[in-house]
């Protein structure tokens, strides 16, 4: 685990430290979703866009468009390696072997490519848009977010002396260790790394993952980063995301089809995957309405991931919903993943312990918590809320309502129409971490 971060930060070069090192350097759910899209929606055309929800930060002031395009072109030049494809084909994921079909892996090797993109800047704002076939656009999400976040990091580090870099990373290591030490004291706690998209850097994410593995043992479930799982023989964690129901909803031709889109995607998903990959993400158009209208077979899924709702409220709601349908919540899995840090992880573990199998997906504040570590007291290394969202599907607007209105995306009139169709309540506007 010996990494001289100060020296590496001082001497970044393409051969030693490209930001994205492999096409596997993405969240595992993106590969699962890519196979799903390739199989079911191969000809659908989409656009997506990077959205900076931290409006106080002007990205164009911190990220060079020229250097960003160079990094993006580097990513487009990458290909899946033979050993990586063999690992995808032969490894056991979630207790199941051969999750990825041979013809899909053949397409990854010979037919996969990333779509076109457009990078522009205006008045300090950086605009990054992607357009093309859905199967060519979808993988840009994590690559692009990783690029922008690490380019912010590199820009800030370039202003520091080597001594200041040493101080910065010493403080960050101590902070990380203090968090891990607190987790070590609690029996039965379960934590996974979900921090790829908003990481400080690849090297820091790898350092954090290795530290968790060494220190937490069985309490560390694995990582969402497929490349790190491949490289370090870890469990690859992840299932699906809001992108799927958003796209199917946009493709709906009637209000009835629109309401059913959130369940149709589950039906198609379980035709492709089973077992532990059957994790609900019900908040795309509102959790309460989703559970109220869900078909009976949805209660047989493995569990639920909470994203935008208060985890206590969402967990209690899911447990009550399961009990009302005669399912034992203690056999189900509940995953929290939104803006967690160690205090919240421990609080939620205590609250749900013995009631349901609980696990935390620890993201930004695991792999990018440099708050109060800067040797000059600056906040330039503080993480920001950067997302990549689907904008159109076959020319129609894509919409996400969320349980937190601050996370809603789409044209205002379409958001209003979706709220009317789904009957989603307008919840409190919780600050996005």
Protein backbone atom coordinates (compact mmCIF):
# COMPACT_ATOMS: atom_id res chain seq x y z
CA UNK A 1 0.00 0.00 0.00
CA UNK A 2 3.04 2.27 -0.31
CA UNK A 3 2.14 5.02 -2.77
CA UNK A 4 4.08 8.28 -2.91
CA UNK A 5 1.09 10.47 -3.73
CA UNK A 6 3.11 13.68 -3.56
CA UNK A 7 5.65 12.45 -6.10
CA UNK A 8 2.97 11.04 -8.42
CA UNK A 9 0.97 14.28 -8.20
CA UNK A 10 4.10 16.24 -9.08
CA UNK A 11 4.95 14.07 -12.07
CA UNK A 12 1.68 13.05 -13.74
CA UNK A 13 2.29 11.80 -17.25
CA UNK A 14 0.27 9.84 -19.75
CA UNK A 15 2.21 6.58 -19.58
CA UNK A 16 2.29 6.39 -15.79
CA UNK A 17 -1.04 7.90 -14.81
CA UNK A 18 -3.80 8.18 -17.42
CA UNK A 19 -7.01 8.96 -15.54
CA UNK A 20 -8.91 6.00 -17.00
CA UNK A 21 -6.60 3.00 -17.29
CA UNK A 22 -8.99 0.40 -18.63
CA UNK A 23 -12.53 0.12 -19.98
CA UNK A 24 -13.18 -1.96 -16.85
CA UNK A 25 -12.48 1.19 -14.81
CA UNK A 26 -16.19 1.79 -14.37
CA UNK A 27 -18.98 0.78 -12.03
CA UNK A 28 -20.00 -2.85 -12.42
CA UNK A 29 -23.64 -1.92 -12.95
CA UNK A 30 -22.69 -0.12 -16.17
CA UNK A 31 -21.53 -3.41 -17.70
CA UNK A 32 -24.68 -5.20 -16.54
CA UNK A 33 -26.80 -2.41 -17.98
CA UNK A 34 -24.76 -2.36 -21.20
CA UNK A 35 -25.53 -6.03 -21.80
CA UNK A 36 -29.21 -5.37 -21.04
CA UNK A 37 -29.31 -2.42 -23.48
CA UNK A 38 -27.37 -4.33 -26.15
CA UNK A 39 -29.83 -7.21 -25.88
CA UNK A 40 -33.13 -5.32 -25.65
CA UNK A 41 -32.66 -1.79 -27.03
CA UNK A 42 -29.83 -2.03 -29.51
CA UNK A 43 -31.25 0.56 -31.94
CA UNK A 44 -32.42 3.22 -29.46
CA UNK A 45 -30.80 6.64 -29.85
CA UNK A 46 -30.12 8.81 -26.78
CA UNK A 47 -28.39 11.94 -25.60
CA UNK A 48 -26.89 12.48 -22.17
CA UNK A 49 -25.19 15.37 -20.45
CA UNK A 50 -22.92 16.16 -17.52
CA UNK A 51 -24.76 18.27 -14.93
CA UNK A 52 -22.96 20.17 -12.16
CA UNK A 53 -25.35 20.47 -9.22
CA UNK A 54 -22.77 22.44 -7.20
CA UNK A 55 -23.55 25.77 -8.81
CA UNK A 56 -20.95 27.66 -6.78
CA UNK A 57 -18.15 25.90 -8.67
CA UNK A 58 -17.33 26.96 -12.24
CA UNK A 59 -15.84 23.83 -13.80
CA UNK A 60 -14.30 25.59 -16.79
CA UNK A 61 -12.09 27.54 -14.38
CA UNK A 62 -10.63 24.28 -13.06
CA UNK A 63 -10.74 21.92 -16.05
CA UNK A 64 -8.96 22.61 -19.34
CA UNK A 65 -11.21 21.66 -22.26
CA UNK A 66 -8.13 20.85 -24.36
CA UNK A 67 -6.74 18.44 -21.78
CA UNK A 68 -10.20 16.99 -21.14
CA UNK A 69 -10.64 16.19 -24.83
CA UNK A 70 -7.20 14.56 -24.87
CA UNK A 71 -8.24 12.34 -21.96
CA UNK A 72 -11.57 11.51 -23.60
CA UNK A 73 -9.84 10.56 -26.82
CA UNK A 74 -7.54 8.33 -24.79
CA UNK A 75 -10.59 6.57 -23.34
CA UNK A 76 -12.02 6.11 -26.85
CA UNK A 77 -8.75 4.47 -27.90
CA UNK A 78 -8.97 1.80 -25.18
CA UNK A 79 -10.11 -1.75 -25.89
CA UNK A 80 -11.14 -4.57 -23.56
CA UNK A 81 -8.10 -6.74 -22.94
CA UNK A 82 -8.14 -10.50 -23.51
CA UNK A 83 -7.51 -11.27 -19.82
CA UNK A 84 -10.29 -8.84 -18.83
CA UNK A 85 -12.78 -10.58 -21.12
CA UNK A 86 -11.71 -14.00 -19.81
CA UNK A 87 -12.32 -12.72 -16.27
CA UNK A 88 -15.79 -11.41 -17.20
CA UNK A 89 -16.61 -14.74 -18.86
CA UNK A 90 -15.34 -17.06 -16.17
CA UNK A 91 -15.66 -15.21 -12.88
CA UNK A 92 -18.50 -15.76 -10.43
CA UNK A 93 -20.55 -12.64 -9.75
CA UNK A 94 -23.16 -12.66 -6.99
CA UNK A 95 -22.75 -16.42 -6.75
CA UNK A 96 -23.54 -16.91 -10.45
CA UNK A 97 -21.12 -17.87 -13.21
CA UNK A 98 -21.53 -16.84 -16.86
CA UNK A 99 -23.58 -13.68 -16.21
CA UNK A 100 -22.17 -12.24 -19.42
CA UNK A 101 -23.24 -14.01 -22.61
CA UNK A 102 -20.54 -15.20 -25.05
CA UNK A 103 -21.98 -13.19 -27.95
CA UNK A 104 -22.06 -10.06 -25.77
CA UNK A 105 -18.41 -10.57 -24.81
CA UNK A 106 -17.56 -11.09 -28.47
CA UNK A 107 -19.27 -7.76 -29.23
CA UNK A 108 -17.29 -6.09 -26.43
CA UNK A 109 -14.09 -7.33 -28.07
CA UNK A 110 -14.92 -6.61 -31.70
CA UNK A 111 -17.89 -4.22 -31.89
CA UNK A 112 -17.98 -1.97 -28.84
CA UNK A 113 -17.20 1.71 -29.27
CA UNK A 114 -17.98 4.94 -27.44
CA UNK A 115 -20.25 7.53 -29.03
CA UNK A 116 -19.40 11.01 -30.26
CA UNK A 117 -19.33 13.83 -27.74
CA UNK A 118 -19.21 17.61 -27.58
CA UNK A 119 -17.18 19.65 -25.09
CA UNK A 120 -17.72 23.41 -24.87
CA UNK A 121 -17.30 26.18 -22.31
CA UNK A 122 -19.10 29.47 -21.80
CA UNK A 123 -18.86 31.99 -18.96
CA UNK A 124 -16.98 29.53 -16.74
CA UNK A 125 -19.45 26.71 -17.32
CA UNK A 126 -18.26 23.44 -18.84
CA UNK A 127 -20.69 21.58 -21.09
CA UNK A 128 -20.18 17.90 -21.97
CA UNK A 129 -22.80 16.15 -24.10
CA UNK A 130 -22.99 12.69 -25.65
CA UNK A 131 -25.13 11.55 -28.56
CA UNK A 132 -25.58 8.27 -30.39
CA UNK A 133 -26.90 4.76 -29.97
CA UNK A 134 -27.73 4.04 -26.33
CA UNK A 135 -25.26 1.15 -26.28
CA UNK A 136 -22.49 3.60 -27.32
CA UNK A 137 -23.48 6.46 -25.01
CA UNK A 138 -24.22 4.72 -21.70
CA UNK A 139 -20.63 3.85 -20.76
CA UNK A 140 -19.49 7.47 -21.03
CA UNK A 141 -21.21 8.28 -17.72
CA UNK A 142 -18.63 6.96 -15.27
CA UNK A 143 -15.63 7.56 -17.53
CA UNK A 144 -16.55 11.23 -18.00
CA UNK A 145 -17.35 11.85 -14.34
CA UNK A 146 -14.04 10.26 -13.31
CA UNK A 147 -12.18 12.39 -15.83
CA UNK A 148 -13.69 15.69 -14.72
CA UNK A 149 -13.28 14.98 -11.03
CA UNK A 150 -9.65 13.89 -11.32
CA UNK A 151 -8.84 16.83 -13.60
CA UNK A 152 -10.19 19.13 -10.86
CA UNK A 153 -7.89 17.31 -8.46
CA UNK A 154 -4.85 17.62 -10.70
CA UNK A 155 -5.50 21.31 -11.25
CA UNK A 156 -5.60 21.94 -7.48
CA UNK A 157 -2.55 19.77 -6.78
CA UNK A 158 -0.48 21.60 -9.39
CA UNK A 159 -0.61 24.71 -7.17
CA UNK A 160 1.06 22.98 -4.21
CA UNK A 161 4.69 22.37 -3.36
CA UNK A 162 5.93 18.85 -2.70
CA UNK A 163 5.96 19.54 1.04
CA UNK A 164 2.38 20.80 0.88
CA UNK A 165 1.41 17.69 -1.07
CA UNK A 166 2.98 15.53 1.64
CA UNK A 167 0.97 17.40 4.29
CA UNK A 168 -2.26 17.09 2.26
CA UNK A 169 -2.00 13.33 1.84
CA UNK A 170 -0.84 12.74 5.40
CA UNK A 171 -3.98 14.49 6.64
CA UNK A 172 -6.20 12.59 4.20
CA UNK A 173 -4.68 9.23 5.19
CA UNK A 174 -5.23 10.02 8.87
CA UNK A 175 -8.82 11.02 8.17
CA UNK A 176 -9.46 7.81 6.23
CA UNK A 177 -7.87 5.69 8.96
CA UNK A 178 -9.98 7.33 11.67
CA UNK A 179 -13.13 6.46 9.72
CA UNK A 180 -12.06 2.86 9.16
CA UNK A 181 -11.14 2.50 12.83
CA UNK A 182 -14.67 3.52 13.82
CA UNK A 183 -16.15 0.91 11.50
CA UNK A 184 -13.84 -1.79 12.85
CA UNK A 185 -15.38 -1.51 16.30
CA UNK A 186 -18.88 -2.48 15.16
CA UNK A 187 -19.61 -6.20 14.62
CA UNK A 188 -21.65 -7.10 11.57
CA UNK A 189 -21.37 -3.78 9.75
CA UNK A 190 -21.26 -4.20 5.93
CA UNK A 191 -19.69 -1.61 3.63
CA UNK A 192 -18.88 -1.50 -0.09
CA UNK A 193 -16.90 1.02 -2.13
CA UNK A 194 -19.23 3.02 -4.41
CA UNK A 195 -16.82 5.89 -5.03
CA UNK A 196 -15.62 5.64 -8.65
CA UNK A 197 -17.57 8.46 -10.26
CA UNK A 198 -16.60 11.19 -7.80
CA UNK A 199 -13.19 9.98 -6.67
CA UNK A 200 -10.23 12.23 -5.89
CA UNK A 201 -8.16 10.08 -8.24
CA UNK A 202 -7.79 6.48 -9.35
CA UNK A 203 -4.74 6.04 -7.13
CA UNK A 204 -6.59 7.35 -4.08
CA UNK A 205 -9.60 5.12 -4.71
CA UNK A 206 -7.31 2.12 -5.04
CA UNK A 207 -5.53 3.10 -1.80
CA UNK A 208 -8.87 3.44 0.04
CA UNK A 209 -10.14 0.10 -1.26
CA UNK A 210 -6.96 -1.70 -0.25
CA UNK A 211 -7.07 -0.06 3.19
CA UNK A 212 -10.67 -1.19 3.66
CA UNK A 213 -9.86 -4.72 2.58
CA UNK A 214 -6.90 -5.03 4.94
CA UNK A 215 -8.59 -3.37 7.91
CA UNK A 216 -12.24 -4.43 7.75
CA UNK A 217 -12.01 -8.03 6.61
CA UNK A 218 -15.44 -9.59 6.14
CA UNK A 219 -17.15 -6.25 6.83
CA UNK A 220 -15.85 -5.00 3.48
CA UNK A 221 -18.18 -6.45 0.85
CA UNK A 222 -16.30 -5.34 -2.26
CA UNK A 223 -16.12 -2.52 -4.77
CA UNK A 224 -18.32 -1.16 -7.53
CA UNK A 225 -15.17 -0.48 -9.57
CA UNK A 226 -14.85 -3.41 -11.98
CA UNK A 227 -11.18 -2.82 -12.72
CA UNK A 228 -10.25 -2.82 -9.03
CA UNK A 229 -12.32 -5.97 -8.49
CA UNK A 230 -10.48 -7.60 -11.41
CA UNK A 231 -7.05 -6.37 -10.32
CA UNK A 232 -7.37 -7.23 -6.62
CA UNK A 233 -9.68 -10.27 -6.70
CA UNK A 234 -12.57 -8.51 -4.98
CA UNK A 235 -16.33 -8.84 -5.29
CA UNK A 236 -17.72 -6.58 -8.02
CA UNK A 237 -20.77 -4.81 -6.57
CA UNK A 238 -23.68 -3.21 -8.45
CA UNK A 239 -26.91 -3.90 -10.33
CA UNK A 240 -28.79 -1.12 -12.18
CA UNK A 241 -29.57 2.60 -12.13
CA UNK A 242 -32.23 5.23 -12.89
CA UNK A 243 -31.20 5.37 -16.53
CA UNK A 244 -33.23 2.25 -17.39
CA UNK A 245 -36.70 3.30 -16.14
CA UNK A 246 -36.07 6.83 -17.42
CA UNK A 247 -35.49 5.49 -20.93
CA UNK A 248 -38.43 3.09 -20.93
CA UNK A 249 -40.70 5.83 -19.64
CA UNK A 250 -39.57 8.14 -22.45
CA UNK A 251 -40.39 5.44 -24.99
CA UNK A 252 -43.96 5.04 -23.66
CA UNK A 253 -46.75 6.11 -26.01
CA UNK A 254 -49.63 6.37 -23.53
CA UNK A 255 -50.07 7.36 -19.89
CA UNK A 256 -50.79 3.73 -19.02
CA UNK A 257 -47.53 2.64 -20.65
CA UNK A 258 -45.74 5.46 -18.84
CA UNK A 259 -46.99 4.28 -15.44
CA UNK A 260 -46.05 0.68 -16.21
CA UNK A 261 -42.57 1.48 -17.58
CA UNK A 262 -41.01 1.25 -14.10
CA UNK A 263 -42.28 -2.33 -13.77
CA UNK A 264 -41.66 -3.35 -17.38
CA UNK A 265 -37.97 -2.67 -16.91
CA UNK A 266 -37.94 -5.00 -13.88
CA UNK A 267 -39.63 -7.73 -15.88
CA UNK A 268 -37.05 -7.44 -18.64
CA UNK A 269 -34.23 -7.27 -16.09
CA UNK A 270 -35.21 -10.49 -14.36
CA UNK A 271 -35.38 -12.21 -17.74
CA UNK A 272 -31.69 -11.36 -18.10
CA UNK A 273 -30.52 -11.69 -14.50
CA UNK A 274 -31.66 -13.40 -11.35
CA UNK A 275 -30.78 -14.02 -7.72
CA UNK A 276 -28.88 -11.29 -5.94
CA UNK A 277 -28.96 -9.04 -9.01
CA UNK A 278 -32.66 -8.43 -8.40
CA UNK A 279 -32.29 -5.20 -6.43
CA UNK A 280 -35.05 -2.59 -6.68
CA UNK A 281 -34.27 1.09 -7.23
CA UNK A 282 -37.78 2.47 -6.78
CA UNK A 283 -37.27 6.22 -6.51
CA UNK A 284 -36.95 7.20 -10.20
CA UNK A 285 -40.54 8.48 -10.15
CA UNK A 286 -41.12 8.30 -6.40
CA UNK A 287 -40.74 5.38 -4.00
CA UNK A 288 -44.19 5.51 -2.39
CA UNK A 289 -46.12 5.36 -5.67
CA UNK A 290 -43.76 2.65 -6.96
CA UNK A 291 -44.44 0.34 -4.00
CA UNK A 292 -48.17 1.09 -4.00
CA UNK A 293 -48.56 -0.02 -7.61
CA UNK A 294 -45.97 -2.79 -7.78
CA UNK A 295 -47.07 -6.25 -8.99
CA UNK A 296 -46.96 -9.02 -6.39
CA UNK A 297 -43.89 -10.66 -7.94
CA UNK A 298 -41.80 -7.55 -7.18
CA UNK A 299 -41.91 -8.52 -3.49
CA UNK A 300 -39.89 -11.64 -4.38
CA UNK A 301 -36.90 -9.59 -5.47
CA UNK A 302 -33.76 -9.77 -3.33
CA UNK A 303 -33.87 -6.27 -1.91
CA UNK A 304 -33.89 -2.53 -2.43
CA UNK A 305 -31.35 0.24 -2.85
CA UNK A 306 -32.19 3.62 -1.33
CA UNK A 307 -30.93 6.62 -3.24
CA UNK A 308 -32.78 9.90 -2.74
CA UNK A 309 -35.10 9.32 0.21
CA UNK A 310 -34.25 9.56 3.90
CA UNK A 311 -32.86 6.04 4.55
CA UNK A 312 -34.79 5.61 7.80
CA UNK A 313 -38.11 6.49 6.15
CA UNK A 314 -37.37 4.48 3.02
CA UNK A 315 -36.21 1.44 4.97
CA UNK A 316 -39.23 1.45 7.26
CA UNK A 317 -41.50 1.88 4.25
CA UNK A 318 -39.91 -1.11 2.47
CA UNK A 319 -40.05 -3.32 5.57
CA UNK A 320 -43.75 -2.51 6.12
CA UNK A 321 -44.46 -3.16 2.43
CA UNK A 322 -42.76 -6.56 2.62
CA UNK A 323 -44.59 -7.55 5.80
CA UNK A 324 -47.94 -6.54 4.28
CA UNK A 325 -47.20 -9.04 1.48
CA UNK A 326 -46.17 -11.86 3.78
CA UNK A 327 -42.42 -11.62 3.09
CA UNK A 328 -39.84 -11.81 5.86
CA UNK A 329 -37.75 -8.60 5.76
CA UNK A 330 -34.90 -10.35 7.58
CA UNK A 331 -34.28 -12.34 4.40
CA UNK A 332 -34.15 -9.23 2.24
CA UNK A 333 -31.30 -6.81 1.55
CA UNK A 334 -31.47 -3.03 2.08
CA UNK A 335 -28.67 -0.90 0.60
CA UNK A 336 -28.19 2.80 1.37
CA UNK A 337 -25.90 4.73 -0.95
CA UNK A 338 -26.62 8.47 -1.02
CA UNK A 339 -24.03 10.82 0.48
CA UNK A 340 -23.05 8.47 3.29
CA UNK A 341 -20.22 8.96 5.72
CA UNK A 342 -19.15 6.87 8.67
CA UNK A 343 -21.55 8.43 11.19
CA UNK A 344 -24.57 7.76 9.01
CA UNK A 345 -23.36 4.26 8.13
CA UNK A 346 -23.12 3.35 11.80
CA UNK A 347 -26.44 5.00 12.66
CA UNK A 348 -28.27 3.11 9.92
CA UNK A 349 -26.57 -0.18 10.79
CA UNK A 350 -27.75 0.16 14.40
CA UNK A 351 -31.28 1.12 13.36
CA UNK A 352 -31.83 -1.74 10.89
CA UNK A 353 -29.76 -4.44 12.62
CA UNK A 354 -31.88 -7.57 13.14
CA UNK A 355 -34.78 -6.19 11.07
CA UNK A 356 -33.32 -6.55 7.57
CA UNK A 357 -29.93 -7.34 6.04
CA UNK A 358 -28.39 -3.89 5.77
CA UNK A 359 -25.39 -2.74 3.75
CA UNK A 360 -23.91 0.66 2.90
CA UNK A 361 -22.53 1.78 -0.44
CA UNK A 362 -19.87 4.31 0.60
CA UNK A 363 -19.12 6.72 -2.23
CA UNK A 364 -17.86 10.29 -2.40
CA UNK A 365 -16.89 10.64 1.26
CA UNK A 366 -14.80 7.47 1.07
CA UNK A 367 -12.87 8.21 -2.12
CA UNK A 368 -12.91 12.02 -2.16
CA UNK A 369 -13.04 13.43 1.35
CA UNK A 370 -10.23 15.98 1.40
CA UNK A 371 -12.27 18.53 3.32
CA UNK A 372 -10.09 20.42 5.82
CA UNK A 373 -6.96 18.65 4.53
CA UNK A 374 -5.65 21.42 2.28
CA UNK A 375 -2.41 22.85 3.77
CA UNK A 376 -3.50 26.42 2.92
CA UNK A 377 -7.02 25.98 4.26
CA UNK A 378 -8.59 26.23 0.81
CA UNK A 379 -11.75 24.37 -0.27
CA UNK A 380 -10.74 23.74 -3.88
CA UNK A 381 -10.40 20.00 -3.20
CA UNK A 382 -13.84 19.66 -1.62
CA UNK A 383 -16.03 17.24 -3.64
CA UNK A 384 -18.85 18.53 -5.81
CA UNK A 385 -22.13 16.95 -6.90
CA UNK A 386 -21.50 16.07 -10.52
CA UNK A 387 -23.85 13.72 -12.40
CA UNK A 388 -24.40 12.50 -15.95
CA UNK A 389 -28.06 12.21 -16.86
CA UNK A 390 -30.07 10.91 -19.78
CA UNK A 391 -31.61 13.87 -21.65
CA UNK A 392 -33.48 12.40 -24.65
CA UNK A 393 -34.51 8.96 -25.87
CA UNK A 394 -35.39 8.65 -29.56
CA UNK A 395 -35.93 12.40 -29.54
CA UNK A 396 -38.23 12.45 -26.48
CA UNK A 397 -37.30 14.11 -23.20
CA UNK A 398 -36.12 11.84 -20.41
CA UNK A 399 -37.37 12.65 -16.89
CA UNK A 400 -36.39 11.70 -13.37
CA UNK A 401 -38.60 12.84 -10.49
CA UNK A 402 -36.68 11.37 -7.55
CA UNK A 403 -37.76 11.44 -3.91
CA UNK A 404 -35.67 14.61 -3.56
CA UNK A 405 -36.85 17.37 -5.93
CA UNK A 406 -33.32 18.77 -6.03
CA UNK A 407 -32.36 15.67 -8.01
CA UNK A 408 -35.21 15.94 -10.53
CA UNK A 409 -34.10 16.23 -14.16
CA UNK A 410 -35.95 17.03 -17.37
CA UNK A 411 -37.94 19.93 -18.86
CA UNK A 412 -40.18 21.70 -16.33
CA UNK A 413 -43.38 20.91 -18.22
CA UNK A 414 -42.45 17.23 -18.52
CA UNK A 415 -41.62 16.99 -14.82
CA UNK A 416 -45.08 18.41 -14.08
CA UNK A 417 -46.72 15.91 -16.46
CA UNK A 418 -44.85 12.98 -14.92
CA UNK A 419 -45.86 14.08 -11.41
CA UNK A 420 -49.47 14.09 -12.49
CA UNK A 421 -49.23 10.65 -14.14
CA UNK A 422 -47.34 8.98 -11.29
CA UNK A 423 -49.04 10.91 -8.50
CA UNK A 424 -45.65 11.47 -6.88
CA UNK A 425 -45.58 13.68 -3.83
CA UNK A 426 -43.24 16.65 -3.78
CA UNK A 427 -40.92 15.81 -0.91
CA UNK A 428 -38.69 18.12 1.09
CA UNK A 429 -35.77 19.57 -0.87
CA UNK A 430 -32.83 17.88 0.85
CA UNK A 431 -29.39 19.34 0.19
CA UNK A 432 -27.41 17.06 -2.13
CA UNK A 433 -24.11 15.91 -0.64
